[in-house]
Protein backbone atom coordinates (compact mmCIF):
# COMPACT_ATOMS: atom_id res chain seq x y z
CA MET A 1 0.00 0.00 0.00
CA ARG A 2 1.33 3.40 -0.97
CA HIS A 3 0.36 6.09 1.53
CA PHE A 4 0.26 9.87 1.05
CA PHE A 5 3.11 12.19 2.03
CA SER A 6 1.98 15.81 2.34
CA VAL A 7 3.48 19.14 3.35
CA ASP A 8 1.58 22.23 4.50
CA VAL A 9 3.87 24.95 3.11
CA GLU A 10 3.67 27.95 5.42
CA GLU A 11 6.02 30.19 7.41
CA HIS A 12 7.02 29.49 11.00
CA PHE A 13 4.82 32.35 12.24
CA HIS A 14 1.65 31.31 10.40
CA ALA A 15 0.42 28.82 13.02
CA HIS A 16 -2.82 29.99 14.61
CA VAL A 17 -1.31 29.79 18.10
CA PHE A 18 0.58 32.97 17.13
CA GLU A 19 -2.31 34.96 15.67
CA GLN A 20 -2.48 37.33 18.65
CA VAL A 21 1.26 38.05 18.87
CA VAL A 22 2.07 37.93 15.13
CA PRO A 23 -1.06 39.24 13.35
CA PRO A 24 -1.16 39.25 9.54
CA GLY A 25 -0.29 42.94 9.38
CA THR A 26 3.17 42.13 10.78
CA TRP A 27 3.98 39.13 8.58
CA ASP A 28 6.03 41.07 6.03
CA ALA A 29 8.40 42.19 8.79
CA GLN A 30 9.08 38.64 10.04
CA PRO A 31 12.18 36.69 9.01
CA SER A 32 11.38 34.13 6.32
CA ARG A 33 12.37 30.52 6.98
CA VAL A 34 10.02 28.60 4.70
CA GLU A 35 12.32 28.25 1.70
CA SER A 36 15.30 26.67 3.44
CA ALA A 37 13.06 24.48 5.62
CA THR A 38 11.05 23.20 2.65
CA ASP A 39 14.29 22.48 0.80
CA ARG A 40 15.24 20.11 3.66
CA ILE A 41 12.02 18.20 3.07
CA LEU A 42 12.61 18.15 -0.69
CA GLU A 43 16.09 16.73 -0.13
CA LEU A 44 14.67 14.07 2.19
CA LEU A 45 12.06 13.04 -0.37
CA GLU A 46 14.61 12.99 -3.16
CA ARG A 47 16.84 10.61 -1.18
CA HIS A 48 13.91 8.24 -0.77
CA GLN A 49 12.60 8.76 -4.33
CA VAL A 50 9.21 9.89 -2.98
CA ARG A 51 6.88 12.37 -4.66
CA GLY A 52 4.47 14.12 -2.32
CA THR A 53 1.61 16.60 -2.26
CA PHE A 54 2.51 20.15 -1.18
CA PHE A 55 -0.40 22.26 0.10
CA VAL A 56 1.04 25.74 -0.48
CA LEU A 57 -0.17 29.12 0.80
CA GLY A 58 -0.70 31.69 -1.94
CA TRP A 59 0.96 34.22 0.41
CA VAL A 60 4.12 32.11 0.40
CA ALA A 61 3.97 31.52 -3.35
CA LYS A 62 3.89 35.26 -4.01
CA ARG A 63 6.98 35.89 -1.87
CA VAL A 64 9.11 32.89 -2.85
CA PRO A 65 7.87 31.87 -6.32
CA GLY A 66 11.06 29.94 -6.99
CA LEU A 67 10.16 27.54 -4.20
CA VAL A 68 6.88 26.58 -5.87
CA ARG A 69 8.71 26.07 -9.16
CA ARG A 70 11.29 23.81 -7.45
CA ILE A 71 8.56 21.74 -5.81
CA ALA A 72 6.84 21.24 -9.15
CA ALA A 73 10.13 20.54 -10.95
CA GLY A 74 10.81 17.77 -8.45
CA GLY A 75 7.71 15.93 -9.65
CA HIS A 76 5.59 16.81 -6.64
CA GLU A 77 1.93 17.79 -6.67
CA ILE A 78 0.98 21.40 -5.91
CA ALA A 79 -2.27 21.89 -3.96
CA SER A 80 -3.86 24.83 -2.12
CA HIS A 81 -3.63 25.72 1.57
CA THR A 82 -5.59 29.00 0.99
CA TRP A 83 -4.00 32.37 0.31
CA SER A 84 -3.65 33.85 3.80
CA HIS A 85 -4.04 30.93 6.24
CA PRO A 86 -7.41 31.84 7.78
CA ARG A 87 -9.59 29.50 9.77
CA ILE A 88 -12.29 28.55 7.27
CA SER A 89 -14.80 28.44 10.12
CA ARG A 90 -14.45 32.23 10.44
CA LEU A 91 -15.09 32.97 6.74
CA THR A 92 -18.21 33.50 4.70
CA PRO A 93 -18.62 31.36 1.58
CA ALA A 94 -17.67 34.39 -0.54
CA GLN A 95 -14.50 35.00 1.48
CA PHE A 96 -13.56 31.34 1.27
CA GLY A 97 -14.15 31.42 -2.47
CA GLU A 98 -11.74 34.33 -2.86
CA GLU A 99 -9.07 32.48 -0.85
CA LEU A 100 -9.46 29.54 -3.22
CA ARG A 101 -9.56 31.60 -6.40
CA SER A 102 -6.48 33.67 -5.62
CA SER A 103 -4.36 30.80 -4.33
CA LYS A 104 -5.32 28.50 -7.21
CA ALA A 105 -4.42 31.15 -9.78
CA ILE A 106 -0.90 31.82 -8.53
CA LEU A 107 -0.12 28.17 -7.80
CA GLU A 108 -1.20 27.03 -11.25
CA ASP A 109 0.79 29.85 -12.86
CA LEU A 110 3.98 29.01 -10.96
CA GLY A 111 3.64 25.25 -10.81
CA GLY A 112 2.43 24.70 -14.35
CA GLN A 113 -0.08 22.05 -13.28
CA PRO A 114 -3.77 21.95 -12.37
CA VAL A 115 -4.46 22.58 -8.68
CA VAL A 116 -7.31 20.28 -7.65
CA GLY A 117 -6.52 19.50 -4.00
CA PHE A 118 -7.11 21.54 -0.86
CA ARG A 119 -6.33 21.45 2.86
CA ALA A 120 -7.82 23.91 5.35
CA PRO A 121 -5.47 25.57 7.84
CA SER A 122 -5.88 23.93 11.25
CA PHE A 123 -8.31 21.43 9.67
CA SER A 124 -10.95 24.13 10.08
CA ILE A 125 -13.75 22.63 8.00
CA LEU A 126 -16.05 21.45 10.79
CA PRO A 127 -19.43 19.72 11.17
CA GLY A 128 -22.17 22.00 9.90
CA MET A 129 -19.85 23.59 7.32
CA GLU A 130 -20.86 21.44 4.36
CA TRP A 131 -21.13 24.67 2.37
CA ALA A 132 -17.32 24.61 2.21
CA PHE A 133 -17.45 21.48 0.05
CA ASP A 134 -19.83 23.27 -2.32
CA THR A 135 -17.39 26.17 -2.55
CA LEU A 136 -14.50 23.82 -3.31
CA LEU A 137 -16.47 22.17 -6.10
CA ALA A 138 -17.48 25.55 -7.51
CA HIS A 139 -13.80 26.52 -7.85
CA GLY A 140 -12.70 23.36 -9.62
CA PHE A 141 -11.31 21.31 -6.74
CA THR A 142 -11.84 17.56 -6.92
CA TYR A 143 -10.53 16.49 -3.50
CA ASP A 144 -10.20 17.84 0.02
CA SER A 145 -7.94 16.75 2.87
CA SER A 146 -9.26 18.85 5.77
CA VAL A 147 -11.34 16.43 7.81
CA PHE A 148 -9.73 15.11 10.99
CA PRO A 149 -12.07 12.36 12.28
CA ILE A 150 -11.36 13.01 15.97
CA ARG A 151 -13.00 14.93 18.81
CA ARG A 152 -11.17 18.09 19.88
CA THR A 153 -12.26 21.45 21.22
CA ASP A 154 -10.73 23.47 18.37
CA TYR A 155 -11.09 21.15 15.38
CA GLY A 156 -12.17 17.68 14.34
CA TRP A 157 -15.14 15.92 12.75
CA PRO A 158 -16.10 13.11 15.16
CA GLY A 159 -17.75 10.20 13.45
CA ALA A 160 -16.42 10.99 9.97
CA PRO A 161 -15.05 8.03 8.00
CA THR A 162 -11.40 7.25 8.61
CA ARG A 163 -10.62 6.18 5.03
CA PRO A 164 -10.98 8.17 1.77
CA TYR A 165 -14.64 8.65 0.90
CA GLN A 166 -16.89 10.52 -1.50
CA ILE A 167 -18.96 13.53 -0.40
CA ALA A 168 -22.06 13.90 -2.57
CA ARG A 169 -23.24 17.49 -2.92
CA PRO A 170 -25.78 19.14 -5.24
CA ALA A 171 -22.93 20.51 -7.37
CA GLY A 172 -21.13 17.20 -7.69
CA THR A 173 -18.97 14.76 -5.75
CA LEU A 174 -15.85 15.66 -3.79
CA LEU A 175 -13.29 13.11 -2.64
CA GLU A 176 -12.37 13.52 1.02
CA ILE A 177 -9.01 12.18 2.20
CA PRO A 178 -9.15 12.39 6.01
CA MET A 179 -6.27 12.55 8.42
CA THR A 180 -5.06 9.18 9.68
CA THR A 181 -6.17 7.97 13.10
CA LEU A 182 -5.62 4.89 15.27
CA SER A 183 -8.54 3.23 17.03
CA VAL A 184 -7.72 2.20 20.59
CA LEU A 185 -10.67 0.63 22.42
CA SER A 186 -13.48 3.14 21.81
CA ALA A 187 -11.22 6.14 21.15
CA ARG A 188 -9.60 7.52 18.00
CA LEU A 189 -6.07 8.77 18.41
CA PRO A 190 -4.75 11.34 15.89
CA ALA A 191 -1.81 9.71 14.15
CA SER A 192 -1.27 11.61 10.92
CA GLY A 193 1.79 13.76 11.57
CA GLY A 194 2.42 17.29 12.76
CA ALA A 195 2.61 17.62 16.54
CA TYR A 196 1.41 14.03 16.90
CA LEU A 197 4.45 12.79 15.01
CA ARG A 198 6.69 14.84 17.29
CA HIS A 199 5.05 14.10 20.65
CA PHE A 200 3.55 10.61 20.41
CA PRO A 201 5.61 7.43 20.55
CA LEU A 202 6.46 6.61 16.96
CA TRP A 203 4.88 3.17 17.24
CA ILE A 204 1.45 4.83 17.40
CA ILE A 205 2.01 6.56 14.06
CA SER A 206 3.53 3.42 12.54
CA ARG A 207 0.70 1.20 13.75
CA ALA A 208 -1.92 3.59 12.35
CA PHE A 209 -0.36 3.39 8.88
CA THR A 210 0.07 -0.37 9.15
CA GLU A 211 -3.62 -0.78 9.99
CA ALA A 212 -4.65 1.56 7.18
CA GLY A 213 -2.65 -0.57 4.75
CA ARG A 214 -4.23 -3.77 6.05
CA ALA A 215 -7.63 -2.19 5.45
CA GLY A 216 -6.61 -1.51 1.85
CA ALA A 217 -6.64 2.27 2.21
CA PRO A 218 -3.83 4.85 2.08
CA GLY A 219 -3.00 6.86 5.18
CA MET A 220 -2.15 10.57 5.13
CA LEU A 221 1.12 11.79 6.65
CA TYR A 222 1.67 15.54 6.98
CA VAL A 223 4.40 17.89 8.14
CA HIS A 224 5.07 21.65 8.14
CA PRO A 225 8.42 23.10 7.02
CA TRP A 226 8.90 24.81 10.39
CA GLU A 227 8.80 21.38 12.03
CA VAL A 228 12.18 20.52 10.47
CA ASP A 229 13.74 23.88 11.41
CA PRO A 230 15.22 23.78 14.93
CA GLY A 231 16.91 27.16 14.39
CA GLN A 232 13.72 29.16 13.87
CA PRO A 233 13.11 32.18 16.12
CA ARG A 234 11.03 31.36 19.21
CA ILE A 235 7.89 33.49 19.37
CA PRO A 236 6.91 34.58 22.90
CA VAL A 237 3.83 32.60 23.93
CA SER A 238 2.77 30.71 27.05
CA ARG A 239 4.95 27.89 28.35
CA ILE A 240 2.44 25.19 27.46
CA THR A 241 2.07 26.56 23.93
CA ARG A 242 5.86 26.63 23.54
CA LEU A 243 6.12 23.01 24.67
CA ARG A 244 3.32 21.90 22.36
CA HIS A 245 4.48 23.89 19.34
CA TYR A 246 8.27 23.60 19.54
CA GLY A 247 8.61 20.34 21.41
CA GLY A 248 10.25 17.51 19.50
CA ILE A 249 11.33 19.60 16.51
CA ASP A 250 14.81 18.07 16.68
CA SER A 251 13.24 14.64 16.19
CA THR A 252 11.04 15.43 13.16
CA LEU A 253 13.50 14.61 10.39
CA PRO A 254 14.75 11.36 11.98
CA ARG A 255 11.15 10.25 12.50
CA LEU A 256 10.24 11.10 8.92
CA GLU A 257 13.27 9.10 7.78
CA ARG A 258 12.02 6.07 9.72
CA MET A 259 8.52 6.39 8.28
CA LEU A 260 9.91 6.67 4.76
CA ARG A 261 12.01 3.55 5.30
CA GLU A 262 9.11 1.57 6.76
CA PHE A 263 6.32 2.55 4.37
CA SER A 264 5.82 3.46 0.73
CA PHE A 265 4.59 7.03 0.07
CA GLY A 266 3.44 9.08 -2.89
CA SER A 267 1.26 12.01 -3.89
CA VAL A 268 -2.51 12.16 -4.06
CA ARG A 269 -2.25 13.08 -7.75
CA ASP A 270 -0.34 9.91 -8.62
CA TRP A 271 -2.74 7.77 -6.61
CA LEU A 272 -5.73 9.24 -8.41
CA ALA A 273 -4.05 8.69 -11.79
CA SER A 274 -3.52 5.00 -10.96
CA ARG A 275 -7.13 4.29 -9.99
C-alpha cells in the first residue's frame, strides 16, 4: 500500500497559536524561513525517491515563487492551503471562495499544473460547514484533505469516515481524504503527523499506517516546514504553547526518515491517476 506524504507549506509564524502576537499585518516584517526548511524536506524526499503533495499558501507563493517552481520541478503535486491561512470556520462562503480563487491562480501559474486538491489551515472545516465542500467544487477542486475524524475542542469531525470517501453534494462529488487515526478501544487517536508525530511514541504513528494498509486504504502523513527547522526564532507565547508547538522539533527529520524507510509514500495526484 502506498500512503500519502503531504506538506503544508507555510512560514514558522503562520500557526494559529501565534495569531495574537504575530497578526497578519506584521507578517512582512518577520524573518522568512520557509524556503530553506522546505528544501530540507525536498532533499529528504529525493533521497527516498518519494513524490508528495505540497499544500502551499498563496501568500508564500507570491513571496518565494522559486520555491513553488522547485517543488513542481521535483515531480511533486501542488495543492492549495488557501492564500492567507485563515480558519475557514471564520469565513463566509464568498471570502472562502476568494481564498481559493487567488491561491489557485498563482499556484497554477507558478507550478504549471492543475491545482485540484485543498487542505484547510488547522483542519478548520467542521461539522455544519458542508457549504465549504460546495465552494471547493465551484472553484474546480476535486478532493479535500481537511477532515480530521477526531473529537477536539478546536477542530475535528467526530464520526467521519477514517478512510478516503466521497462527499455527494448538489454541485457534484468531492473526494475527502481524512487525516489518519488509530482506534484504541473506543477512542480515536490522531496519528497523521504534525505535533502528533513529534510528541507521540512513533509506534502509534507506525501502527496507524500499518492498519490503514491492512484495510486496503492509504494513510495521510503531513508535516510543516517549520517542524524541520530547529533554528527558527522562538515566538513569545505561554509555556504550554511553547512546549506543544516547539517540542520535538529536533526529532522530526529522523522520524520522517524512519517512516519513509518503513512505508511506501506518494502524492494524491499519482494515486488518483492510478485508480
